[in-house]
Amino acid sequence: MTFLKTAFASAVLAAAVVAPAQDRFIEGARGAGVLVNANREATGEFMFTVARFVREGTELVQGNLAYRGRSESGPVQIEGRAMRLAINSRTLVAEFTGPAVAVVNTNSGLRRFEGTYSVRVQDRRVFGVGDPDTFAVTFTSREFQYSTRGLVGRGDLVVRAPHSVIAN
């Protein structure tokens, strides 16, 4: 009976892997980690994934961003969808943007802002060797602006392009 359960689970997993394989990946980036400043103090946490791919002959960009950090007003959380993506395959820099929501915990309570975000990341660490990766995020709305950047102190990010100089 265990064999049948294992075989069934393997078949379901194989179907799940093959179904999206009909999308053709072009380029993308993903990462998660802790953002640190020059003094190696934690200033935020991030998680993102973004990809350009072809589905049924149409080129699409999809992805998301989740970021938590601090602003002058208090703790800030930014969540957004990726709509545009640009990757430099020589420098392994990815820049992506899209609509986002920022929630700021101020002295007077939670404030929610709708706007846009942009992220710039650079994959500088290959197989754990090299300078730390970099991460920068900017959020803009009529009523609230936020921007920060730093090094990836704990975690990793990966930039993949069709003709990357280094594949990690």
N, C-alpha and C. Protein backbone atom coordinates (compact mmCIF):
# COMPACT_ATOMS: atom_id res chain seq x y z
N MET A 1 0.82 -1.19 0.00
CA MET A 1 0.00 0.00 0.00
C MET A 1 0.86 1.26 0.00
N THR A 2 1.99 1.22 0.72
CA THR A 2 2.88 2.37 0.77
C THR A 2 3.42 2.68 -0.62
N PHE A 3 3.73 1.63 -1.38
CA PHE A 3 4.23 1.83 -2.73
C PHE A 3 3.21 2.59 -3.59
N LEU A 4 1.93 2.21 -3.49
CA LEU A 4 0.90 2.88 -4.26
C LEU A 4 0.77 4.35 -3.86
N LYS A 5 0.84 4.63 -2.56
CA LYS A 5 0.78 6.02 -2.10
C LYS A 5 1.96 6.82 -2.65
N THR A 6 3.14 6.21 -2.61
CA THR A 6 4.34 6.87 -3.12
C THR A 6 4.23 7.09 -4.62
N ALA A 7 3.74 6.08 -5.34
CA ALA A 7 3.60 6.21 -6.79
C ALA A 7 2.58 7.29 -7.13
N PHE A 8 1.46 7.32 -6.40
CA PHE A 8 0.44 8.33 -6.65
C PHE A 8 0.99 9.72 -6.37
N ALA A 9 1.69 9.87 -5.24
CA ALA A 9 2.27 11.17 -4.89
C ALA A 9 3.29 11.60 -5.94
N SER A 10 4.08 10.65 -6.45
CA SER A 10 5.07 10.97 -7.49
C SER A 10 4.39 11.40 -8.78
N ALA A 11 3.27 10.74 -9.13
CA ALA A 11 2.54 11.09 -10.35
C ALA A 11 1.94 12.48 -10.23
N VAL A 12 1.38 12.80 -9.07
CA VAL A 12 0.81 14.13 -8.85
C VAL A 12 1.90 15.19 -8.94
N LEU A 13 3.04 14.92 -8.31
CA LEU A 13 4.16 15.86 -8.35
C LEU A 13 4.66 16.04 -9.78
N ALA A 14 4.78 14.95 -10.52
CA ALA A 14 5.25 15.04 -11.91
C ALA A 14 4.29 15.86 -12.76
N ALA A 15 2.99 15.67 -12.56
CA ALA A 15 2.00 16.44 -13.31
C ALA A 15 2.10 17.93 -12.96
N ALA A 16 2.34 18.21 -11.69
CA ALA A 16 2.45 19.61 -11.26
C ALA A 16 3.68 20.27 -11.86
N VAL A 17 4.74 19.50 -12.03
CA VAL A 17 5.98 20.05 -12.59
C VAL A 17 5.86 20.20 -14.11
N VAL A 18 5.22 19.26 -14.78
CA VAL A 18 5.12 19.29 -16.24
C VAL A 18 4.14 20.34 -16.71
N ALA A 19 3.03 20.54 -15.99
CA ALA A 19 2.00 21.48 -16.44
C ALA A 19 2.56 22.88 -16.68
N PRO A 20 3.27 23.50 -15.70
CA PRO A 20 3.78 24.83 -15.97
C PRO A 20 5.01 24.83 -16.87
N ALA A 21 5.55 23.67 -17.18
CA ALA A 21 6.74 23.61 -18.03
C ALA A 21 6.44 24.08 -19.44
N GLN A 22 5.17 24.26 -19.79
CA GLN A 22 4.83 24.76 -21.10
C GLN A 22 5.09 26.26 -21.20
N ASP A 23 5.27 26.93 -20.06
CA ASP A 23 5.72 28.31 -20.07
C ASP A 23 7.22 28.30 -20.32
N ARG A 24 7.70 29.22 -21.19
CA ARG A 24 9.14 29.28 -21.47
C ARG A 24 9.74 30.44 -20.69
N PHE A 25 10.59 30.12 -19.73
CA PHE A 25 11.27 31.11 -18.90
C PHE A 25 12.26 31.88 -19.76
N ILE A 26 12.29 33.20 -19.59
CA ILE A 26 13.25 34.04 -20.29
C ILE A 26 14.30 34.56 -19.32
N GLU A 27 13.85 35.23 -18.25
CA GLU A 27 14.77 35.77 -17.27
C GLU A 27 14.00 36.07 -15.99
N GLY A 28 14.73 36.22 -14.88
CA GLY A 28 14.04 36.53 -13.63
C GLY A 28 15.01 36.67 -12.48
N ALA A 29 14.42 36.89 -11.30
CA ALA A 29 15.20 37.03 -10.08
C ALA A 29 14.34 36.58 -8.91
N ARG A 30 15.00 36.14 -7.86
CA ARG A 30 14.29 35.76 -6.64
C ARG A 30 15.24 35.97 -5.47
N GLY A 31 14.66 36.17 -4.30
CA GLY A 31 15.51 36.32 -3.13
C GLY A 31 14.72 36.50 -1.86
N ALA A 32 15.41 36.27 -0.77
CA ALA A 32 14.85 36.47 0.57
C ALA A 32 16.02 36.70 1.50
N GLY A 33 15.83 37.63 2.45
CA GLY A 33 16.91 37.85 3.38
C GLY A 33 16.70 39.05 4.27
N VAL A 34 17.76 39.38 4.97
CA VAL A 34 17.78 40.51 5.90
C VAL A 34 18.66 41.58 5.29
N LEU A 35 18.14 42.79 5.24
CA LEU A 35 18.88 43.93 4.72
C LEU A 35 19.67 44.55 5.86
N VAL A 36 20.96 44.85 5.63
CA VAL A 36 21.79 45.46 6.67
C VAL A 36 22.43 46.74 6.13
N ASN A 37 22.75 47.65 7.05
CA ASN A 37 23.43 48.89 6.66
C ASN A 37 24.94 48.69 6.71
N ALA A 38 25.70 49.77 6.54
CA ALA A 38 27.17 49.69 6.51
C ALA A 38 27.74 49.17 7.82
N ASN A 39 27.02 49.37 8.94
CA ASN A 39 27.47 48.89 10.25
C ASN A 39 27.00 47.46 10.54
N ARG A 40 26.41 46.82 9.52
CA ARG A 40 25.91 45.43 9.61
C ARG A 40 24.72 45.32 10.56
N GLU A 41 24.01 46.44 10.78
CA GLU A 41 22.79 46.43 11.60
C GLU A 41 21.61 46.12 10.70
N ALA A 42 20.73 45.23 11.16
CA ALA A 42 19.55 44.86 10.37
C ALA A 42 18.62 46.07 10.23
N THR A 43 18.20 46.35 9.01
CA THR A 43 17.29 47.48 8.75
C THR A 43 15.99 47.04 8.10
N GLY A 44 15.89 45.80 7.67
CA GLY A 44 14.67 45.33 7.03
C GLY A 44 14.78 43.88 6.61
N GLU A 45 13.64 43.34 6.17
CA GLU A 45 13.57 41.98 5.65
C GLU A 45 12.83 42.02 4.33
N PHE A 46 13.23 41.16 3.40
CA PHE A 46 12.57 41.15 2.09
C PHE A 46 12.41 39.74 1.57
N MET A 47 11.45 39.60 0.67
CA MET A 47 11.25 38.36 -0.08
C MET A 47 10.63 38.77 -1.41
N PHE A 48 11.16 38.26 -2.51
CA PHE A 48 10.61 38.61 -3.81
C PHE A 48 10.86 37.49 -4.81
N THR A 49 10.06 37.51 -5.84
CA THR A 49 10.26 36.66 -7.00
C THR A 49 9.67 37.40 -8.20
N VAL A 50 10.37 37.37 -9.31
CA VAL A 50 9.90 38.03 -10.53
C VAL A 50 10.46 37.28 -11.72
N ALA A 51 9.64 37.12 -12.76
CA ALA A 51 10.09 36.39 -13.94
C ALA A 51 9.43 36.93 -15.19
N ARG A 52 10.17 36.88 -16.28
CA ARG A 52 9.64 37.14 -17.61
C ARG A 52 9.59 35.79 -18.30
N PHE A 53 8.45 35.48 -18.90
CA PHE A 53 8.29 34.19 -19.55
C PHE A 53 7.29 34.32 -20.69
N VAL A 54 7.23 33.29 -21.52
CA VAL A 54 6.29 33.25 -22.63
C VAL A 54 5.26 32.17 -22.34
N ARG A 55 3.99 32.57 -22.43
CA ARG A 55 2.88 31.63 -22.25
C ARG A 55 1.96 31.78 -23.46
N GLU A 56 1.79 30.70 -24.18
CA GLU A 56 0.91 30.68 -25.36
C GLU A 56 1.25 31.82 -26.32
N GLY A 57 2.53 32.04 -26.53
CA GLY A 57 2.99 33.04 -27.48
C GLY A 57 3.00 34.48 -26.96
N THR A 58 2.59 34.70 -25.72
CA THR A 58 2.56 36.04 -25.15
C THR A 58 3.62 36.18 -24.06
N GLU A 59 4.43 37.24 -24.17
CA GLU A 59 5.45 37.49 -23.15
C GLU A 59 4.80 38.18 -21.95
N LEU A 60 5.06 37.65 -20.76
CA LEU A 60 4.47 38.16 -19.52
C LEU A 60 5.54 38.39 -18.47
N VAL A 61 5.25 39.31 -17.55
CA VAL A 61 6.07 39.50 -16.35
C VAL A 61 5.16 39.30 -15.16
N GLN A 62 5.58 38.44 -14.25
CA GLN A 62 4.83 38.21 -13.02
C GLN A 62 5.79 38.13 -11.86
N GLY A 63 5.31 38.52 -10.70
CA GLY A 63 6.13 38.41 -9.51
C GLY A 63 5.51 39.17 -8.36
N ASN A 64 6.19 39.13 -7.23
CA ASN A 64 5.69 39.84 -6.05
C ASN A 64 6.85 40.23 -5.16
N LEU A 65 6.55 41.18 -4.29
CA LEU A 65 7.52 41.69 -3.33
C LEU A 65 6.84 41.79 -1.97
N ALA A 66 7.56 41.40 -0.95
CA ALA A 66 7.15 41.65 0.44
C ALA A 66 8.38 42.21 1.15
N TYR A 67 8.21 43.37 1.78
CA TYR A 67 9.31 44.03 2.47
C TYR A 67 8.80 44.56 3.81
N ARG A 68 9.61 44.41 4.84
CA ARG A 68 9.33 45.00 6.16
C ARG A 68 10.57 45.73 6.62
N GLY A 69 10.36 46.96 7.12
CA GLY A 69 11.48 47.76 7.62
C GLY A 69 10.97 48.87 8.51
N ARG A 70 11.76 49.93 8.64
CA ARG A 70 11.38 51.08 9.47
C ARG A 70 11.46 52.35 8.65
N SER A 71 10.49 53.23 8.90
CA SER A 71 10.52 54.56 8.31
C SER A 71 10.60 55.56 9.45
N GLU A 72 10.69 56.84 9.11
CA GLU A 72 10.70 57.87 10.15
C GLU A 72 9.39 57.87 10.93
N SER A 73 8.31 57.43 10.28
CA SER A 73 6.99 57.41 10.92
C SER A 73 6.77 56.17 11.77
N GLY A 74 7.56 55.13 11.56
CA GLY A 74 7.40 53.87 12.29
C GLY A 74 7.62 52.68 11.38
N PRO A 75 7.31 51.47 11.86
CA PRO A 75 7.48 50.27 11.03
C PRO A 75 6.67 50.38 9.74
N VAL A 76 7.23 49.88 8.65
CA VAL A 76 6.58 49.93 7.33
C VAL A 76 6.60 48.54 6.72
N GLN A 77 5.52 48.21 6.05
CA GLN A 77 5.43 46.96 5.31
C GLN A 77 4.96 47.29 3.91
N ILE A 78 5.67 46.77 2.90
CA ILE A 78 5.32 47.03 1.50
C ILE A 78 5.08 45.70 0.81
N GLU A 79 3.96 45.62 0.11
CA GLU A 79 3.65 44.43 -0.69
C GLU A 79 3.24 44.89 -2.07
N GLY A 80 3.79 44.24 -3.09
CA GLY A 80 3.48 44.66 -4.45
C GLY A 80 3.56 43.53 -5.45
N ARG A 81 3.03 43.82 -6.64
CA ARG A 81 3.07 42.90 -7.77
C ARG A 81 4.04 43.45 -8.80
N ALA A 82 4.81 42.60 -9.40
CA ALA A 82 5.75 43.03 -10.44
C ALA A 82 5.04 43.11 -11.79
N MET A 83 5.21 44.23 -12.46
CA MET A 83 4.61 44.42 -13.78
C MET A 83 5.66 44.66 -14.87
N ARG A 84 6.83 45.17 -14.48
CA ARG A 84 7.91 45.43 -15.42
C ARG A 84 9.20 44.86 -14.86
N LEU A 85 10.07 44.40 -15.75
CA LEU A 85 11.33 43.79 -15.34
C LEU A 85 12.41 44.12 -16.36
N ALA A 86 13.57 44.53 -15.86
CA ALA A 86 14.75 44.75 -16.71
C ALA A 86 15.93 44.08 -16.03
N ILE A 87 16.69 43.32 -16.80
CA ILE A 87 17.86 42.61 -16.25
C ILE A 87 19.08 42.90 -17.12
N ASN A 88 20.19 43.22 -16.46
CA ASN A 88 21.47 43.36 -17.13
C ASN A 88 22.22 42.06 -16.91
N SER A 89 22.38 41.27 -17.95
CA SER A 89 22.99 39.95 -17.81
C SER A 89 24.49 40.02 -17.54
N ARG A 90 25.13 41.13 -17.85
CA ARG A 90 26.56 41.27 -17.61
C ARG A 90 26.85 41.57 -16.14
N THR A 91 26.04 42.47 -15.53
CA THR A 91 26.28 42.87 -14.14
C THR A 91 25.38 42.13 -13.15
N LEU A 92 24.46 41.31 -13.66
CA LEU A 92 23.49 40.58 -12.84
C LEU A 92 22.68 41.53 -11.94
N VAL A 93 22.21 42.62 -12.56
CA VAL A 93 21.33 43.58 -11.90
C VAL A 93 19.92 43.38 -12.44
N ALA A 94 18.96 43.30 -11.53
CA ALA A 94 17.55 43.22 -11.91
C ALA A 94 16.83 44.43 -11.32
N GLU A 95 15.99 45.04 -12.14
CA GLU A 95 15.15 46.15 -11.68
C GLU A 95 13.72 45.80 -12.05
N PHE A 96 12.81 45.89 -11.06
CA PHE A 96 11.41 45.60 -11.35
C PHE A 96 10.51 46.55 -10.60
N THR A 97 9.33 46.78 -11.17
CA THR A 97 8.39 47.76 -10.62
C THR A 97 6.97 47.25 -10.74
N GLY A 98 6.07 47.94 -10.02
CA GLY A 98 4.66 47.61 -10.12
C GLY A 98 3.85 48.32 -9.06
N PRO A 99 2.55 48.05 -9.04
CA PRO A 99 1.69 48.64 -8.01
C PRO A 99 1.97 48.00 -6.65
N ALA A 100 1.77 48.79 -5.59
CA ALA A 100 2.06 48.27 -4.25
C ALA A 100 1.19 48.97 -3.22
N VAL A 101 1.17 48.38 -2.04
CA VAL A 101 0.52 48.95 -0.87
C VAL A 101 1.55 49.01 0.23
N ALA A 102 1.64 50.17 0.89
CA ALA A 102 2.51 50.31 2.06
C ALA A 102 1.60 50.53 3.27
N VAL A 103 1.91 49.81 4.35
CA VAL A 103 1.20 49.99 5.61
C VAL A 103 2.23 50.47 6.62
N VAL A 104 1.96 51.63 7.22
CA VAL A 104 2.89 52.23 8.17
C VAL A 104 2.22 52.28 9.54
N ASN A 105 2.93 51.81 10.54
CA ASN A 105 2.42 51.82 11.91
C ASN A 105 2.92 53.11 12.58
N THR A 106 2.06 54.12 12.61
CA THR A 106 2.43 55.42 13.17
C THR A 106 1.93 55.53 14.61
N ASN A 107 2.30 56.61 15.28
CA ASN A 107 1.81 56.85 16.65
C ASN A 107 0.30 56.95 16.70
N SER A 108 -0.32 57.37 15.60
CA SER A 108 -1.78 57.50 15.57
C SER A 108 -2.47 56.27 14.99
N GLY A 109 -1.75 55.19 14.78
CA GLY A 109 -2.34 53.96 14.27
C GLY A 109 -1.81 53.57 12.90
N LEU A 110 -2.40 52.54 12.32
CA LEU A 110 -1.98 52.04 11.01
C LEU A 110 -2.49 52.97 9.91
N ARG A 111 -1.60 53.26 8.96
CA ARG A 111 -1.97 54.04 7.78
C ARG A 111 -1.64 53.19 6.55
N ARG A 112 -2.56 53.17 5.61
CA ARG A 112 -2.41 52.38 4.38
C ARG A 112 -2.30 53.33 3.19
N PHE A 113 -1.30 53.08 2.34
CA PHE A 113 -1.06 53.93 1.17
C PHE A 113 -0.98 53.05 -0.08
N GLU A 114 -1.67 53.44 -1.13
CA GLU A 114 -1.55 52.76 -2.42
C GLU A 114 -0.63 53.58 -3.30
N GLY A 115 0.28 52.89 -3.99
CA GLY A 115 1.24 53.59 -4.83
C GLY A 115 1.97 52.62 -5.73
N THR A 116 3.21 52.93 -6.01
CA THR A 116 4.06 52.07 -6.84
C THR A 116 5.38 51.84 -6.12
N TYR A 117 6.02 50.75 -6.48
CA TYR A 117 7.34 50.46 -5.92
C TYR A 117 8.31 50.18 -7.04
N SER A 118 9.58 50.32 -6.72
CA SER A 118 10.64 49.87 -7.62
C SER A 118 11.72 49.22 -6.76
N VAL A 119 12.29 48.17 -7.30
CA VAL A 119 13.34 47.43 -6.62
C VAL A 119 14.52 47.29 -7.56
N ARG A 120 15.72 47.41 -6.99
CA ARG A 120 16.96 47.17 -7.74
C ARG A 120 17.80 46.22 -6.91
N VAL A 121 18.17 45.09 -7.49
CA VAL A 121 19.01 44.12 -6.80
C VAL A 121 20.21 43.79 -7.67
N GLN A 122 21.31 43.43 -6.99
CA GLN A 122 22.48 42.96 -7.72
C GLN A 122 22.98 41.69 -7.07
N ASP A 123 23.11 40.65 -7.89
CA ASP A 123 23.59 39.34 -7.46
C ASP A 123 25.11 39.35 -7.57
N ARG A 124 25.79 39.58 -6.43
CA ARG A 124 27.26 39.69 -6.43
C ARG A 124 27.93 38.50 -5.77
N ARG A 125 27.18 37.66 -5.14
CA ARG A 125 27.75 36.52 -4.40
C ARG A 125 27.40 35.24 -5.15
N VAL A 126 28.40 34.54 -5.62
CA VAL A 126 28.19 33.31 -6.37
C VAL A 126 28.69 32.14 -5.54
N PHE A 127 27.79 31.19 -5.26
CA PHE A 127 28.12 30.03 -4.45
C PHE A 127 28.75 30.44 -3.12
N GLY A 128 28.25 31.52 -2.52
CA GLY A 128 28.73 31.98 -1.22
C GLY A 128 30.04 32.74 -1.26
N VAL A 129 30.56 33.01 -2.45
CA VAL A 129 31.85 33.70 -2.59
C VAL A 129 31.61 35.06 -3.26
N GLY A 130 32.27 36.09 -2.75
CA GLY A 130 32.17 37.42 -3.34
C GLY A 130 31.56 38.42 -2.39
N ASP A 131 31.42 39.62 -2.88
CA ASP A 131 30.81 40.68 -2.08
C ASP A 131 29.34 40.36 -1.81
N PRO A 132 28.79 40.90 -0.73
CA PRO A 132 27.37 40.66 -0.45
C PRO A 132 26.47 41.24 -1.55
N ASP A 133 25.35 40.57 -1.81
CA ASP A 133 24.36 41.07 -2.75
C ASP A 133 23.81 42.41 -2.25
N THR A 134 23.22 43.18 -3.16
CA THR A 134 22.62 44.46 -2.77
C THR A 134 21.13 44.45 -3.06
N PHE A 135 20.39 45.22 -2.28
CA PHE A 135 18.93 45.33 -2.41
C PHE A 135 18.53 46.77 -2.13
N ALA A 136 17.68 47.33 -2.98
CA ALA A 136 17.16 48.68 -2.76
C ALA A 136 15.68 48.67 -3.14
N VAL A 137 14.86 49.35 -2.32
CA VAL A 137 13.43 49.46 -2.61
C VAL A 137 13.00 50.90 -2.41
N THR A 138 12.10 51.35 -3.29
CA THR A 138 11.49 52.67 -3.18
C THR A 138 9.99 52.51 -3.35
N PHE A 139 9.24 53.17 -2.47
CA PHE A 139 7.78 53.20 -2.57
C PHE A 139 7.37 54.66 -2.71
N THR A 140 6.43 54.92 -3.64
CA THR A 140 5.97 56.28 -3.86
C THR A 140 4.45 56.31 -3.97
N SER A 141 3.85 57.22 -3.21
CA SER A 141 2.43 57.54 -3.34
C SER A 141 2.30 59.04 -3.14
N ARG A 142 1.10 59.56 -3.29
CA ARG A 142 0.90 61.00 -3.10
C ARG A 142 1.22 61.44 -1.68
N GLU A 143 0.91 60.57 -0.71
CA GLU A 143 1.01 60.95 0.70
C GLU A 143 2.21 60.36 1.43
N PHE A 144 2.88 59.39 0.84
CA PHE A 144 3.96 58.71 1.56
C PHE A 144 5.03 58.27 0.59
N GLN A 145 6.28 58.54 0.94
CA GLN A 145 7.43 58.08 0.17
C GLN A 145 8.38 57.35 1.12
N TYR A 146 8.99 56.30 0.60
CA TYR A 146 9.93 55.52 1.40
C TYR A 146 11.00 54.98 0.47
N SER A 147 12.24 54.99 0.93
CA SER A 147 13.34 54.46 0.14
C SER A 147 14.42 53.96 1.08
N THR A 148 14.98 52.82 0.77
CA THR A 148 16.10 52.28 1.54
C THR A 148 16.92 51.37 0.64
N ARG A 149 18.15 51.17 1.03
CA ARG A 149 19.02 50.25 0.32
C ARG A 149 20.07 49.73 1.28
N GLY A 150 20.67 48.63 0.91
CA GLY A 150 21.70 48.06 1.76
C GLY A 150 22.22 46.76 1.19
N LEU A 151 22.94 46.05 2.04
CA LEU A 151 23.52 44.77 1.68
C LEU A 151 22.65 43.64 2.21
N VAL A 152 22.70 42.51 1.54
CA VAL A 152 21.99 41.33 2.02
C VAL A 152 22.90 40.67 3.05
N GLY A 153 22.54 40.85 4.33
CA GLY A 153 23.38 40.35 5.41
C GLY A 153 23.18 38.87 5.68
N ARG A 154 21.95 38.42 5.61
CA ARG A 154 21.62 37.01 5.80
C ARG A 154 20.58 36.68 4.74
N GLY A 155 20.78 35.64 4.00
CA GLY A 155 19.89 35.29 2.91
C GLY A 155 20.63 35.32 1.60
N ASP A 156 19.88 35.34 0.51
CA ASP A 156 20.51 35.30 -0.80
C ASP A 156 19.51 35.82 -1.83
N LEU A 157 20.04 36.31 -2.93
CA LEU A 157 19.22 36.61 -4.08
C LEU A 157 19.95 36.13 -5.32
N VAL A 158 19.16 35.78 -6.32
CA VAL A 158 19.71 35.23 -7.55
C VAL A 158 19.08 35.96 -8.72
N VAL A 159 19.91 36.37 -9.67
CA VAL A 159 19.43 37.00 -10.90
C VAL A 159 19.78 36.05 -12.05
N ARG A 160 18.78 35.67 -12.82
CA ARG A 160 18.97 34.75 -13.94
C ARG A 160 18.60 35.46 -15.24
N ALA A 161 19.50 35.39 -16.19
CA ALA A 161 19.26 35.96 -17.52
C ALA A 161 19.68 34.95 -18.55
N PRO A 162 19.16 35.08 -19.77
CA PRO A 162 19.50 34.09 -20.80
C PRO A 162 21.00 33.98 -21.08
N HIS A 163 21.71 35.10 -20.94
CA HIS A 163 23.14 35.09 -21.26
C HIS A 163 23.95 35.61 -20.08
N SER A 164 23.64 35.14 -18.87
CA SER A 164 24.38 35.57 -17.69
C SER A 164 25.84 35.17 -17.82
N VAL A 165 26.71 36.07 -17.38
CA VAL A 165 28.14 35.78 -17.40
C VAL A 165 28.43 34.64 -16.44
N ILE A 166 27.78 34.67 -15.27
CA ILE A 166 27.99 33.66 -14.24
C ILE A 166 26.65 33.02 -13.93
N ALA A 167 26.58 31.73 -13.94
CA ALA A 167 25.35 31.04 -13.55
C ALA A 167 25.56 30.43 -12.18
N ASN A 168 24.76 30.84 -11.20
CA ASN A 168 24.93 30.29 -9.86
C ASN A 168 23.73 29.53 -9.42
